[in-house]
Amino acid sequence: MAAGPAIASVASQQSAAGQASLAGAGSTWATLTFVALTFGWTWSLWGISDLVRQDLPGLSKACVLAAGFGPSLAALFVVLMFAGVSGTIWWWHRCMAWRLRLRWYGVAFLAAPVAMLAALAIDGALGGSLPAPTGVRPFGAAVAQFALVLIIGGPAGEEFGWRGYALPVLTARLGWRWSSLIVGALWGVWHVPLFFMAGTGQAQMPMVLFLASALALSIIFARLAMNTGFSVIPAILVHWSINSWSLVIPVIPTGGNIRPFALLMGLLFAAAAAAFLKPGPKLPAPV
């Protein structure tokens, strides 16, 4: 009869040991290593991709695909190197915590398309013409496209780094508000080479608006992370939703018409300001 409590006690001790070992991954040296690896990996591969795009298109696409995993791979490497196996296991379990309140899943799934549709509606009310959806496809192809975006379109490759590692590490030192701005700045600058590469979504956007949107989104993602114990799942879902629905709902500027995108940014900035100014929440378990 005493086996149950004994097993629970051992599991609790192992969890505490893993959390304690993860503290090493929050050092200044570990954080700088993460930043260097993230930018070094991604920017090098994007550079190679651009150089060989004409002569070796297959290699170019492979480099773009691999480049997108820079933040998550860098985080995994840093946590494993500085926190060991037990710390990495504890970090992974925290990132993948899925037993969250239903409302956070609702926010993650629905916020992006609702905001995009609202921006189009406001643009239409102001006299704009509503463009045709850009991604009308058979149902099976649409499902495959959404699944592909989840894996290689940014969320899985980035969020374990930005929100799974960098945000908790900085929050333990600076609080979540300052940390969200720092992570947002890093996140935005990380994308800058894409503005100079043909065929990317960023090449069609105003850089200043994109960088500002990265800051605003980072605030919202940080608030979600604080409310869900630094689970990465809400950030992955929001990121996935933004990238996926932007392929279907025509808000990305094309042909010089940026008003729907600018209106979307206005809604985003308002939401970010509300999230930033609202008191709380309390700090989850630190790195």
Foldseek 3Di string as FASTA:
>chain_A
DCVVVVVVVVVVVLLVLLLVLQVQCLDPVNLVQLLCQLLVQQVVLQVVLQVCCVPCVPSSVVSNQRSLLRLQVSLLVSSCVRRNDSNSVSLVCLQADDPADVVLVVCLAPVQVVLLVVLQVVCVVVPDDFDAWQDDDPPVVLVVLLVCCLNRVRLVSHLCRLLSRQQLSVCVPPNNLVSLQVSLQSVLVSCVVVCVGPPDLNVQDDSVLSSLLSSLVSLVQSLSCQNRQSHSVSVSSNSSNNRSVCNTRPQRDDPPDNSSVVSSSVVSNVVSVVSSPDDDDDGHSGD
